[in-house]
Amino acid sequence: MTDPLDTVFSALADPTRRAILAMLLEDDMAVTDVAEPFEMSLAAISKHLAILTRAGLISQERRGRLKWCKLEPDALRDASIWMQGFGQFEAVNLDAFERFLAAELGLDS
């Protein structure tokens, strides 16, 4: 059985998945809207979403005919606690995390 912490860090290791998380910081989104800015197939985006869902970083639900994605920020709690054990990291601050993601993805102004 895979350690949940390994699953979270593995999911965060991919820049596409980090970009998806940054998008979901703003609001819930339909899968088709999540896929729109990426130059890849809907099937490829669905695989990324499945990995984020398995890691507990997002949840997905059907609303009518569309599937929606929602950020689950509490999933970062265990990763934050683990990093705090090294004494070099502070608790995950979602505003700081959003700024970090924006800087990493070149989205800051």
PDB file of N, CA and C in Angstrom:
ATOM      1  N   MET A   1       0.847  -1.187   0.000  1.00  0.00           N
ATOM      2  CA  MET A   1       0.000   0.000   0.000  1.00  0.00           C
ATOM      3  C   MET A   1       0.891   1.248   0.000  1.00  0.00           C
ATOM      4  N   THR A   2       0.531   2.227  -0.786  1.00  0.00           N
ATOM      5  CA  THR A   2       1.306   3.447  -0.916  1.00  0.00           C
ATOM      6  C   THR A   2       1.001   4.398   0.236  1.00  0.00           C
ATOM      7  N   ASP A   3       2.053   5.022   0.739  1.00  0.00           N
ATOM      8  CA  ASP A   3       1.915   6.020   1.797  1.00  0.00           C
ATOM      9  C   ASP A   3       1.171   7.227   1.229  1.00  0.00           C
ATOM     10  N   PRO A   4       0.125   7.715   1.922  1.00  0.00           N
ATOM     11  CA  PRO A   4      -0.615   8.883   1.414  1.00  0.00           C
ATOM     12  C   PRO A   4       0.283  10.102   1.194  1.00  0.00           C
ATOM     13  N   LEU A   5       1.292  10.273   2.022  1.00  0.00           N
ATOM     14  CA  LEU A   5       2.208  11.399   1.861  1.00  0.00           C
ATOM     15  C   LEU A   5       2.988  11.277   0.551  1.00  0.00           C
ATOM     16  N   ASP A   6       3.401  10.056   0.207  1.00  0.00           N
ATOM     17  CA  ASP A   6       4.077   9.835  -1.069  1.00  0.00           C
ATOM     18  C   ASP A   6       3.159  10.198  -2.233  1.00  0.00           C
ATOM     19  N   THR A   7       1.891   9.854  -2.101  1.00  0.00           N
ATOM     20  CA  THR A   7       0.920  10.134  -3.154  1.00  0.00           C
ATOM     21  C   THR A   7       0.737  11.638  -3.345  1.00  0.00           C
ATOM     22  N   VAL A   8       0.683  12.395  -2.236  1.00  0.00           N
ATOM     23  CA  VAL A   8       0.536  13.853  -2.327  1.00  0.00           C
ATOM     24  C   VAL A   8       1.759  14.468  -2.992  1.00  0.00           C
ATOM     25  N   PHE A   9       2.959  14.107  -2.521  1.00  0.00           N
ATOM     26  CA  PHE A   9       4.165  14.692  -3.102  1.00  0.00           C
ATOM     27  C   PHE A   9       4.338  14.285  -4.563  1.00  0.00           C
ATOM     28  N   SER A  10       3.967  13.081  -4.898  1.00  0.00           N
ATOM     29  CA  SER A  10       4.039  12.634  -6.290  1.00  0.00           C
ATOM     30  C   SER A  10       3.090  13.456  -7.162  1.00  0.00           C
ATOM     31  N   ALA A  11       1.896  13.716  -6.657  1.00  0.00           N
ATOM     32  CA  ALA A  11       0.927  14.512  -7.412  1.00  0.00           C
ATOM     33  C   ALA A  11       1.429  15.942  -7.591  1.00  0.00           C
ATOM     34  N   LEU A  12       2.081  16.490  -6.578  1.00  0.00           N
ATOM     35  CA  LEU A  12       2.579  17.863  -6.657  1.00  0.00           C
ATOM     36  C   LEU A  12       3.832  17.996  -7.514  1.00  0.00           C
ATOM     37  N   ALA A  13       4.450  16.883  -7.860  1.00  0.00           N
ATOM     38  CA  ALA A  13       5.704  16.915  -8.615  1.00  0.00           C
ATOM     39  C   ALA A  13       5.519  17.337 -10.071  1.00  0.00           C
ATOM     40  N   ASP A  14       4.311  17.265 -10.574  1.00  0.00           N
ATOM     41  CA  ASP A  14       4.064  17.571 -11.981  1.00  0.00           C
ATOM     42  C   ASP A  14       3.581  19.006 -12.163  1.00  0.00           C
ATOM     43  N   PRO A  15       4.204  19.773 -13.070  1.00  0.00           N
ATOM     44  CA  PRO A  15       3.805  21.178 -13.252  1.00  0.00           C
ATOM     45  C   PRO A  15       2.368  21.364 -13.752  1.00  0.00           C
ATOM     46  N   THR A  16       1.865  20.433 -14.546  1.00  0.00           N
ATOM     47  CA  THR A  16       0.475  20.543 -15.010  1.00  0.00           C
ATOM     48  C   THR A  16      -0.471  20.422 -13.831  1.00  0.00           C
ATOM     49  N   ARG A  17      -0.196  19.482 -12.941  1.00  0.00           N
ATOM     50  CA  ARG A  17      -1.067  19.301 -11.779  1.00  0.00           C
ATOM     51  C   ARG A  17      -0.975  20.496 -10.830  1.00  0.00           C
ATOM     52  N   ARG A  18       0.215  21.069 -10.684  1.00  0.00           N
ATOM     53  CA  ARG A  18       0.335  22.277  -9.857  1.00  0.00           C
ATOM     54  C   ARG A  18      -0.457  23.426 -10.487  1.00  0.00           C
ATOM     55  N   ALA A  19      -0.432  23.528 -11.808  1.00  0.00           N
ATOM     56  CA  ALA A  19      -1.202  24.579 -12.493  1.00  0.00           C
ATOM     57  C   ALA A  19      -2.702  24.367 -12.274  1.00  0.00           C
ATOM     58  N   ILE A  20      -3.133  23.135 -12.320  1.00  0.00           N
ATOM     59  CA  ILE A  20      -4.550  22.826 -12.082  1.00  0.00           C
ATOM     60  C   ILE A  20      -4.934  23.255 -10.663  1.00  0.00           C
ATOM     61  N   LEU A  21      -4.083  22.939  -9.693  1.00  0.00           N
ATOM     62  CA  LEU A  21      -4.377  23.331  -8.312  1.00  0.00           C
ATOM     63  C   LEU A  21      -4.458  24.853  -8.191  1.00  0.00           C
ATOM     64  N   ALA A  22      -3.569  25.558  -8.866  1.00  0.00           N
ATOM     65  CA  ALA A  22      -3.590  27.023  -8.829  1.00  0.00           C
ATOM     66  C   ALA A  22      -4.902  27.545  -9.404  1.00  0.00           C
ATOM     67  N   MET A  23      -5.383  26.931 -10.477  1.00  0.00           N
ATOM     68  CA  MET A  23      -6.655  27.342 -11.071  1.00  0.00           C
ATOM     69  C   MET A  23      -7.814  27.112 -10.104  1.00  0.00           C
ATOM     70  N   LEU A  24      -7.757  25.994  -9.399  1.00  0.00           N
ATOM     71  CA  LEU A  24      -8.848  25.643  -8.489  1.00  0.00           C
ATOM     72  C   LEU A  24      -8.813  26.441  -7.192  1.00  0.00           C
ATOM     73  N   LEU A  25      -7.722  27.180  -6.949  1.00  0.00           N
ATOM     74  CA  LEU A  25      -7.689  28.074  -5.790  1.00  0.00           C
ATOM     75  C   LEU A  25      -8.759  29.154  -5.920  1.00  0.00           C
ATOM     76  N   GLU A  26      -9.057  29.527  -7.157  1.00  0.00           N
ATOM     77  CA  GLU A  26     -10.032  30.588  -7.411  1.00  0.00           C
ATOM     78  C   GLU A  26     -11.467  30.126  -7.158  1.00  0.00           C
ATOM     79  N   ASP A  27     -11.818  28.946  -7.687  1.00  0.00           N
ATOM     80  CA  ASP A  27     -13.203  28.478  -7.583  1.00  0.00           C
ATOM     81  C   ASP A  27     -13.271  27.052  -8.133  1.00  0.00           C
ATOM     82  N   ASP A  28     -14.379  26.374  -7.867  1.00  0.00           N
ATOM     83  CA  ASP A  28     -14.638  25.078  -8.475  1.00  0.00           C
ATOM     84  C   ASP A  28     -14.717  25.279  -9.986  1.00  0.00           C
ATOM     85  N   MET A  29     -14.330  24.239 -10.735  1.00  0.00           N
ATOM     86  CA  MET A  29     -14.363  24.353 -12.192  1.00  0.00           C
ATOM     87  C   MET A  29     -14.847  23.049 -12.807  1.00  0.00           C
ATOM     88  N   ALA A  30     -15.536  23.179 -13.932  1.00  0.00           N
ATOM     89  CA  ALA A  30     -15.904  22.006 -14.714  1.00  0.00           C
ATOM     90  C   ALA A  30     -14.641  21.444 -15.352  1.00  0.00           C
ATOM     91  N   VAL A  31     -14.598  20.140 -15.547  1.00  0.00           N
ATOM     92  CA  VAL A  31     -13.423  19.493 -16.139  1.00  0.00           C
ATOM     93  C   VAL A  31     -13.076  20.120 -17.482  1.00  0.00           C
ATOM     94  N   THR A  32     -14.068  20.433 -18.285  1.00  0.00           N
ATOM     95  CA  THR A  32     -13.794  21.037 -19.593  1.00  0.00           C
ATOM     96  C   THR A  32     -13.130  22.405 -19.446  1.00  0.00           C
ATOM     97  N   ASP A  33     -13.491  23.149 -18.408  1.00  0.00           N
ATOM     98  CA  ASP A  33     -12.864  24.449 -18.164  1.00  0.00           C
ATOM     99  C   ASP A  33     -11.429  24.282 -17.654  1.00  0.00           C
ATOM    100  N   VAL A  34     -11.209  23.257 -16.856  1.00  0.00           N
ATOM    101  CA  VAL A  34      -9.849  22.963 -16.385  1.00  0.00           C
ATOM    102  C   VAL A  34      -8.959  22.651 -17.583  1.00  0.00           C
ATOM    103  N   ALA A  35      -9.474  21.892 -18.521  1.00  0.00           N
ATOM    104  CA  ALA A  35      -8.684  21.447 -19.674  1.00  0.00           C
ATOM    105  C   ALA A  35      -8.378  22.562 -20.667  1.00  0.00           C
ATOM    106  N   GLU A  36      -9.217  23.583 -20.707  1.00  0.00           N
ATOM    107  CA  GLU A  36      -9.131  24.608 -21.750  1.00  0.00           C
ATOM    108  C   GLU A  36      -7.746  25.240 -21.946  1.00  0.00           C
ATOM    109  N   PRO A  37      -7.041  25.661 -20.893  1.00  0.00           N
ATOM    110  CA  PRO A  37      -5.763  26.352 -21.140  1.00  0.00           C
ATOM    111  C   PRO A  37      -4.598  25.430 -21.518  1.00  0.00           C
ATOM    112  N   PHE A  38      -4.791  24.135 -21.463  1.00  0.00           N
ATOM    113  CA  PHE A  38      -3.697  23.196 -21.715  1.00  0.00           C
ATOM    114  C   PHE A  38      -3.741  22.658 -23.142  1.00  0.00           C
ATOM    115  N   GLU A  39      -2.579  22.488 -23.707  1.00  0.00           N
ATOM    116  CA  GLU A  39      -2.490  21.919 -25.055  1.00  0.00           C
ATOM    117  C   GLU A  39      -2.316  20.404 -24.959  1.00  0.00           C
ATOM    118  N   MET A  40      -3.345  19.769 -24.454  1.00  0.00           N
ATOM    119  CA  MET A  40      -3.359  18.306 -24.361  1.00  0.00           C
ATOM    120  C   MET A  40      -4.805  17.847 -24.424  1.00  0.00           C
ATOM    121  N   SER A  41      -4.975  16.576 -24.645  1.00  0.00           N
ATOM    122  CA  SER A  41      -6.321  16.030 -24.803  1.00  0.00           C
ATOM    123  C   SER A  41      -7.085  16.035 -23.486  1.00  0.00           C
ATOM    124  N   LEU A  42      -8.397  15.961 -23.598  1.00  0.00           N
ATOM    125  CA  LEU A  42      -9.242  15.859 -22.417  1.00  0.00           C
ATOM    126  C   LEU A  42      -8.915  14.583 -21.643  1.00  0.00           C
ATOM    127  N   ALA A  43      -8.563  13.531 -22.353  1.00  0.00           N
ATOM    128  CA  ALA A  43      -8.182  12.278 -21.696  1.00  0.00           C
ATOM    129  C   ALA A  43      -6.922  12.465 -20.847  1.00  0.00           C
ATOM    130  N   ALA A  44      -5.960  13.220 -21.353  1.00  0.00           N
ATOM    131  CA  ALA A  44      -4.720  13.477 -20.597  1.00  0.00           C
ATOM    132  C   ALA A  44      -5.022  14.301 -19.351  1.00  0.00           C
ATOM    133  N   ILE A  45      -5.862  15.314 -19.491  1.00  0.00           N
ATOM    134  CA  ILE A  45      -6.259  16.122 -18.328  1.00  0.00           C
ATOM    135  C   ILE A  45      -6.987  15.247 -17.318  1.00  0.00           C
ATOM    136  N   SER A  46      -7.838  14.367 -17.801  1.00  0.00           N
ATOM    137  CA  SER A  46      -8.576  13.466 -16.903  1.00  0.00           C
ATOM    138  C   SER A  46      -7.633  12.595 -16.094  1.00  0.00           C
ATOM    139  N   LYS A  47      -6.529  12.170 -16.705  1.00  0.00           N
ATOM    140  CA  LYS A  47      -5.535  11.376 -15.961  1.00  0.00           C
ATOM    141  C   LYS A  47      -4.890  12.213 -14.862  1.00  0.00           C
ATOM    142  N   HIS A  48      -4.567  13.470 -15.175  1.00  0.00           N
ATOM    143  CA  HIS A  48      -4.011  14.360 -14.152  1.00  0.00           C
ATOM    144  C   HIS A  48      -5.015  14.564 -13.018  1.00  0.00           C
ATOM    145  N   LEU A  49      -6.276  14.755 -13.370  1.00  0.00           N
ATOM    146  CA  LEU A  49      -7.310  14.950 -12.359  1.00  0.00           C
ATOM    147  C   LEU A  49      -7.486  13.706 -11.495  1.00  0.00           C
ATOM    148  N   ALA A  50      -7.370  12.540 -12.099  1.00  0.00           N
ATOM    149  CA  ALA A  50      -7.489  11.293 -11.344  1.00  0.00           C
ATOM    150  C   ALA A  50      -6.357  11.182 -10.317  1.00  0.00           C
ATOM    151  N   ILE A  51      -5.150  11.583 -10.698  1.00  0.00           N
ATOM    152  CA  ILE A  51      -4.015  11.542  -9.784  1.00  0.00           C
ATOM    153  C   ILE A  51      -4.235  12.518  -8.627  1.00  0.00           C
ATOM    154  N   LEU A  52      -4.707  13.725  -8.940  1.00  0.00           N
ATOM    155  CA  LEU A  52      -4.994  14.702  -7.888  1.00  0.00           C
ATOM    156  C   LEU A  52      -6.108  14.222  -6.965  1.00  0.00           C
ATOM    157  N   THR A  53      -7.091  13.539  -7.533  1.00  0.00           N
ATOM    158  CA  THR A  53      -8.192  13.006  -6.736  1.00  0.00           C
ATOM    159  C   THR A  53      -7.704  11.892  -5.818  1.00  0.00           C
ATOM    160  N   ARG A  54      -6.894  10.969  -6.359  1.00  0.00           N
ATOM    161  CA  ARG A  54      -6.341   9.887  -5.525  1.00  0.00           C
ATOM    162  C   ARG A  54      -5.497  10.433  -4.382  1.00  0.00           C
ATOM    163  N   ALA A  55      -4.808  11.541  -4.626  1.00  0.00           N
ATOM    164  CA  ALA A  55      -3.980  12.155  -3.590  1.00  0.00           C
ATOM    165  C   ALA A  55      -4.823  12.928  -2.579  1.00  0.00           C
ATOM    166  N   GLY A  56      -6.111  13.099  -2.881  1.00  0.00           N
ATOM    167  CA  GLY A  56      -6.994  13.836  -1.987  1.00  0.00           C
ATOM    168  C   GLY A  56      -6.882  15.340  -2.131  1.00  0.00           C
ATOM    169  N   LEU A  57      -6.142  15.804  -3.140  1.00  0.00           N
ATOM    170  CA  LEU A  57      -5.943  17.237  -3.332  1.00  0.00           C
ATOM    171  C   LEU A  57      -7.144  17.920  -3.968  1.00  0.00           C
ATOM    172  N   ILE A  58      -7.934  17.151  -4.704  1.00  0.00           N
ATOM    173  CA  ILE A  58      -9.184  17.668  -5.272  1.00  0.00           C
ATOM    174  C   ILE A  58     -10.263  16.619  -5.085  1.00  0.00           C
ATOM    175  N   SER A  59     -11.494  17.053  -5.220  1.00  0.00           N
ATOM    176  CA  SER A  59     -12.620  16.116  -5.291  1.00  0.00           C
ATOM    177  C   SER A  59     -13.344  16.413  -6.591  1.00  0.00           C
ATOM    178  N   GLN A  60     -14.043  15.416  -7.088  1.00  0.00           N
ATOM    179  CA  GLN A  60     -14.814  15.579  -8.316  1.00  0.00           C
ATOM    180  C   GLN A  60     -16.238  15.124  -8.056  1.00  0.00           C
ATOM    181  N   GLU A  61     -17.182  15.852  -8.632  1.00  0.00           N
ATOM    182  CA  GLU A  61     -18.582  15.466  -8.495  1.00  0.00           C
ATOM    183  C   GLU A  61     -19.340  15.827  -9.760  1.00  0.00           C
ATOM    184  N   ARG A  62     -20.384  15.078  -9.994  1.00  0.00           N
ATOM    185  CA  ARG A  62     -21.253  15.353 -11.129  1.00  0.00           C
ATOM    186  C   ARG A  62     -22.296  16.379 -10.745  1.00  0.00           C
ATOM    187  N   ARG A  63     -22.425  17.377 -11.595  1.00  0.00           N
ATOM    188  CA  ARG A  63     -23.485  18.385 -11.444  1.00  0.00           C
ATOM    189  C   ARG A  63     -24.192  18.427 -12.789  1.00  0.00           C
ATOM    190  N   GLY A  64     -25.321  17.772 -12.839  1.00  0.00           N
ATOM    191  CA  GLY A  64     -26.018  17.649 -14.120  1.00  0.00           C
ATOM    192  C   GLY A  64     -25.209  16.771 -15.050  1.00  0.00           C
ATOM    193  N   ARG A  65     -24.907  17.297 -16.223  1.00  0.00           N
ATOM    194  CA  ARG A  65     -24.148  16.518 -17.207  1.00  0.00           C
ATOM    195  C   ARG A  65     -22.649  16.757 -17.107  1.00  0.00           C
ATOM    196  N   LEU A  66     -22.232  17.693 -16.256  1.00  0.00           N
ATOM    197  CA  LEU A  66     -20.816  18.043 -16.168  1.00  0.00           C
ATOM    198  C   LEU A  66     -20.173  17.499 -14.898  1.00  0.00           C
ATOM    199  N   LYS A  67     -18.892  17.217 -15.001  1.00  0.00           N
ATOM    200  CA  LYS A  67     -18.113  16.814 -13.841  1.00  0.00           C
ATOM    201  C   LYS A  67     -17.336  18.040 -13.372  1.00  0.00           C
ATOM    202  N   TRP A  68     -17.418  18.334 -12.082  1.00  0.00           N
ATOM    203  CA  TRP A  68     -16.772  19.508 -11.502  1.00  0.00           C
ATOM    204  C   TRP A  68     -15.639  19.094 -10.578  1.00  0.00           C
ATOM    205  N   CYS A  69     -14.651  19.955 -10.481  1.00  0.00           N
ATOM    206  CA  CYS A  69     -13.491  19.722  -9.627  1.00  0.00           C
ATOM    207  C   CYS A  69     -13.454  20.791  -8.542  1.00  0.00           C
ATOM    208  N   LYS A  70     -13.079  20.375  -7.347  1.00  0.00           N
ATOM    209  CA  LYS A  70     -12.997  21.284  -6.210  1.00  0.00           C
ATOM    210  C   LYS A  70     -11.687  21.025  -5.481  1.00  0.00           C
ATOM    211  N   LEU A  71     -10.978  22.082  -5.119  1.00  0.00           N
ATOM    212  CA  LEU A  71      -9.743  21.975  -4.359  1.00  0.00           C
ATOM    213  C   LEU A  71     -10.055  21.490  -2.949  1.00  0.00           C
ATOM    214  N   GLU A  72      -9.232  20.591  -2.438  1.00  0.00           N
ATOM    215  CA  GLU A  72      -9.357  20.093  -1.069  1.00  0.00           C
ATOM    216  C   GLU A  72      -8.069  20.455  -0.328  1.00  0.00           C
ATOM    217  N   PRO A  73      -7.959  21.703   0.156  1.00  0.00           N
ATOM    218  CA  PRO A  73      -6.703  22.175   0.740  1.00  0.00           C
ATOM    219  C   PRO A  73      -6.259  21.417   1.990  1.00  0.00           C
ATOM    220  N   ASP A  74      -7.181  20.776   2.689  1.00  0.00           N
ATOM    221  CA  ASP A  74      -6.797  20.030   3.885  1.00  0.00           C
ATOM    222  C   ASP A  74      -5.871  18.868   3.567  1.00  0.00           C
ATOM    223  N   ALA A  75      -5.856  18.438   2.315  1.00  0.00           N
ATOM    224  CA  ALA A  75      -4.984  17.324   1.930  1.00  0.00           C
ATOM    225  C   ALA A  75      -3.509  17.698   2.078  1.00  0.00           C
ATOM    226  N   LEU A  76      -3.218  18.980   2.081  1.00  0.00           N
ATOM    227  CA  LEU A  76      -1.833  19.431   2.246  1.00  0.00           C
ATOM    228  C   LEU A  76      -1.396  19.435   3.701  1.00  0.00           C
ATOM    229  N   ARG A  77      -2.318  19.229   4.614  1.00  0.00           N
ATOM    230  CA  ARG A  77      -2.014  19.283   6.050  1.00  0.00           C
ATOM    231  C   ARG A  77      -0.924  18.288   6.441  1.00  0.00           C
ATOM    232  N   ASP A  78      -1.062  17.026   6.044  1.00  0.00           N
ATOM    233  CA  ASP A  78      -0.059  16.022   6.417  1.00  0.00           C
ATOM    234  C   ASP A  78       1.308  16.358   5.839  1.00  0.00           C
ATOM    235  N   ALA A  79       1.326  16.872   4.598  1.00  0.00           N
ATOM    236  CA  ALA A  79       2.598  17.275   3.995  1.00  0.00           C
ATOM    237  C   ALA A  79       3.200  18.432   4.777  1.00  0.00           C
ATOM    238  N   SER A  80       2.373  19.361   5.193  1.00  0.00           N
ATOM    239  CA  SER A  80       2.842  20.505   5.972  1.00  0.00           C
ATOM    240  C   SER A  80       3.407  20.046   7.316  1.00  0.00           C
ATOM    241  N   ILE A  81       2.704  19.159   7.973  1.00  0.00           N
ATOM    242  CA  ILE A  81       3.164  18.637   9.265  1.00  0.00           C
ATOM    243  C   ILE A  81       4.496  17.914   9.092  1.00  0.00           C
ATOM    244  N   TRP A  82       4.609  17.124   8.035  1.00  0.00           N
ATOM    245  CA  TRP A  82       5.850  16.405   7.777  1.00  0.00           C
ATOM    246  C   TRP A  82       7.002  17.387   7.570  1.00  0.00           C
ATOM    247  N   MET A  83       6.773  18.445   6.768  1.00  0.00           N
ATOM    248  CA  MET A  83       7.826  19.428   6.505  1.00  0.00           C
ATOM    249  C   MET A  83       8.192  20.200   7.768  1.00  0.00           C
ATOM    250  N   GLN A  84       7.217  20.462   8.622  1.00  0.00           N
ATOM    251  CA  GLN A  84       7.487  21.179   9.872  1.00  0.00           C
ATOM    252  C   GLN A  84       8.439  20.389  10.766  1.00  0.00           C
ATOM    253  N   GLY A  85       8.435  19.072  10.612  1.00  0.00           N
ATOM    254  CA  GLY A  85       9.329  18.228  11.401  1.00  0.00           C
ATOM    255  C   GLY A  85      10.796  18.523  11.161  1.00  0.00           C
ATOM    256  N   PHE A  86      11.102  19.153  10.060  1.00  0.00           N
ATOM    257  CA  PHE A  86      12.483  19.508   9.762  1.00  0.00           C
ATOM    258  C   PHE A  86      12.854  20.865  10.357  1.00  0.00           C
ATOM    259  N   GLY A  87      11.875  21.579  10.891  1.00  0.00           N
ATOM    260  CA  GLY A  87      12.123  22.852  11.531  1.00  0.00           C
ATOM    261  C   GLY A  87      12.463  23.989  10.581  1.00  0.00           C
ATOM    262  N   GLN A  88      12.459  23.730   9.298  1.00  0.00           N
ATOM    263  CA  GLN A  88      12.816  24.753   8.327  1.00  0.00           C
ATOM    264  C   GLN A  88      11.601  25.307   7.601  1.00  0.00           C
ATOM    265  N   PHE A  89      10.465  24.698   7.821  1.00  0.00           N
ATOM    266  CA  PHE A  89       9.274  25.079   7.078  1.00  0.00           C
ATOM    267  C   PHE A  89       8.165  25.487   8.032  1.00  0.00           C
ATOM    268  N   GLU A  90       7.400  26.458   7.623  1.00  0.00           N
ATOM    269  CA  GLU A  90       6.241  26.880   8.394  1.00  0.00           C
ATOM    270  C   GLU A  90       5.010  26.150   7.873  1.00  0.00           C
ATOM    271  N   ALA A  91       3.927  26.270   8.609  1.00  0.00           N
ATOM    272  CA  ALA A  91       2.668  25.654   8.177  1.00  0.00           C
ATOM    273  C   ALA A  91       2.279  26.191   6.804  1.00  0.00           C
ATOM    274  N   VAL A  92       1.592  25.357   6.046  1.00  0.00           N
ATOM    275  CA  VAL A  92       1.166  25.775   4.711  1.00  0.00           C
ATOM    276  C   VAL A  92       0.146  26.904   4.848  1.00  0.00           C
ATOM    277  N   ASN A  93       0.459  28.013   4.245  1.00  0.00           N
ATOM    278  CA  ASN A  93      -0.426  29.163   4.186  1.00  0.00           C
ATOM    279  C   ASN A  93      -0.955  29.186   2.756  1.00  0.00           C
ATOM    280  N   LEU A  94      -2.260  29.059   2.593  1.00  0.00           N
ATOM    281  CA  LEU A  94      -2.818  28.934   1.247  1.00  0.00           C
ATOM    282  C   LEU A  94      -2.551  30.160   0.396  1.00  0.00           C
ATOM    283  N   ASP A  95      -2.521  31.350   1.005  1.00  0.00           N
ATOM    284  CA  ASP A  95      -2.194  32.547   0.221  1.00  0.00           C
ATOM    285  C   ASP A  95      -0.755  32.474  -0.269  1.00  0.00           C
ATOM    286  N   ALA A  96       0.147  32.053   0.617  1.00  0.00           N
ATOM    287  CA  ALA A  96       1.553  31.907   0.223  1.00  0.00           C
ATOM    288  C   ALA A  96       1.705  30.797  -0.811  1.00  0.00           C
ATOM    289  N   PHE A  97       0.933  29.731  -0.644  1.00  0.00           N
ATOM    290  CA  PHE A  97       0.983  28.628  -1.600  1.00  0.00           C
ATOM    291  C   PHE A  97       0.509  29.099  -2.972  1.00  0.00           C
ATOM    292  N   GLU A  98      -0.528  29.929  -2.994  1.00  0.00           N
ATOM    293  CA  GLU A  98      -1.028  30.463  -4.258  1.00  0.00           C
ATOM    294  C   GLU A  98       0.040  31.343  -4.917  1.00  0.00           C
ATOM    295  N   ARG A  99       0.710  32.191  -4.109  1.00  0.00           N
ATOM    296  CA  ARG A  99       1.770  33.036  -4.663  1.00  0.00           C
ATOM    297  C   ARG A  99       2.915  32.186  -5.200  1.00  0.00           C
ATOM    298  N   PHE A 100       3.256  31.116  -4.462  1.00  0.00           N
ATOM    299  CA  PHE A 100       4.313  30.208  -4.896  1.00  0.00           C
ATOM    300  C   PHE A 100       3.954  29.570  -6.230  1.00  0.00           C
ATOM    301  N   LEU A 101       2.736  29.055  -6.341  1.00  0.00           N
ATOM    302  CA  LEU A 101       2.298  28.421  -7.582  1.00  0.00           C
ATOM    303  C   LEU A 101       2.310  29.422  -8.735  1.00  0.00           C
ATOM    304  N   ALA A 102       1.832  30.638  -8.470  1.00  0.00           N
ATOM    305  CA  ALA A 102       1.811  31.650  -9.515  1.00  0.00           C
ATOM    306  C   ALA A 102       3.221  31.974  -9.978  1.00  0.00           C
ATOM    307  N   ALA A 103       4.149  32.083  -9.043  1.00  0.00           N
ATOM    308  CA  ALA A 103       5.545  32.378  -9.404  1.00  0.00           C
ATOM    309  C   ALA A 103       6.154  31.221 -10.182  1.00  0.00           C
ATOM    310  N   GLU A 104       5.904  30.002  -9.755  1.00  0.00           N
ATOM    311  CA  GLU A 104       6.430  28.824 -10.429  1.00  0.00           C
ATOM    312  C   GLU A 104       5.903  28.696 -11.855  1.00  0.00           C
ATOM    313  N   LEU A 105       4.666  29.092 -12.035  1.00  0.00           N
ATOM    314  CA  LEU A 105       4.018  28.937 -13.327  1.00  0.00           C
ATOM    315  C   LEU A 105       4.105  30.204 -14.171  1.00  0.00           C
ATOM    316  N   GLY A 106       4.782  31.224 -13.641  1.00  0.00           N
ATOM    317  CA  GLY A 106       4.933  32.464 -14.380  1.00  0.00           C
ATOM    318  C   GLY A 106       3.639  33.230 -14.546  1.00  0.00           C
ATOM    319  N   LEU A 107       2.728  33.068 -13.584  1.00  0.00           N
ATOM    320  CA  LEU A 107       1.415  33.729 -13.675  1.00  0.00           C
ATOM    321  C   LEU A 107       1.389  35.065 -12.949  1.00  0.00           C
ATOM    322  N   ASP A 108       2.455  35.374 -12.195  1.00  0.00           N
ATOM    323  CA  ASP A 108       2.441  36.639 -11.475  1.00  0.00           C
ATOM    324  C   ASP A 108       2.699  37.804 -12.421  1.00  0.00           C
ATOM    325  N   SER A 109       2.178  38.953 -12.044  1.00  0.00           N
ATOM    326  CA  SER A 109       2.254  40.112 -12.941  1.00  0.00           C
ATOM    327  C   SER A 109       3.563  40.812 -12.844  1.00  0.00           C
TER     328      SER A 109
END
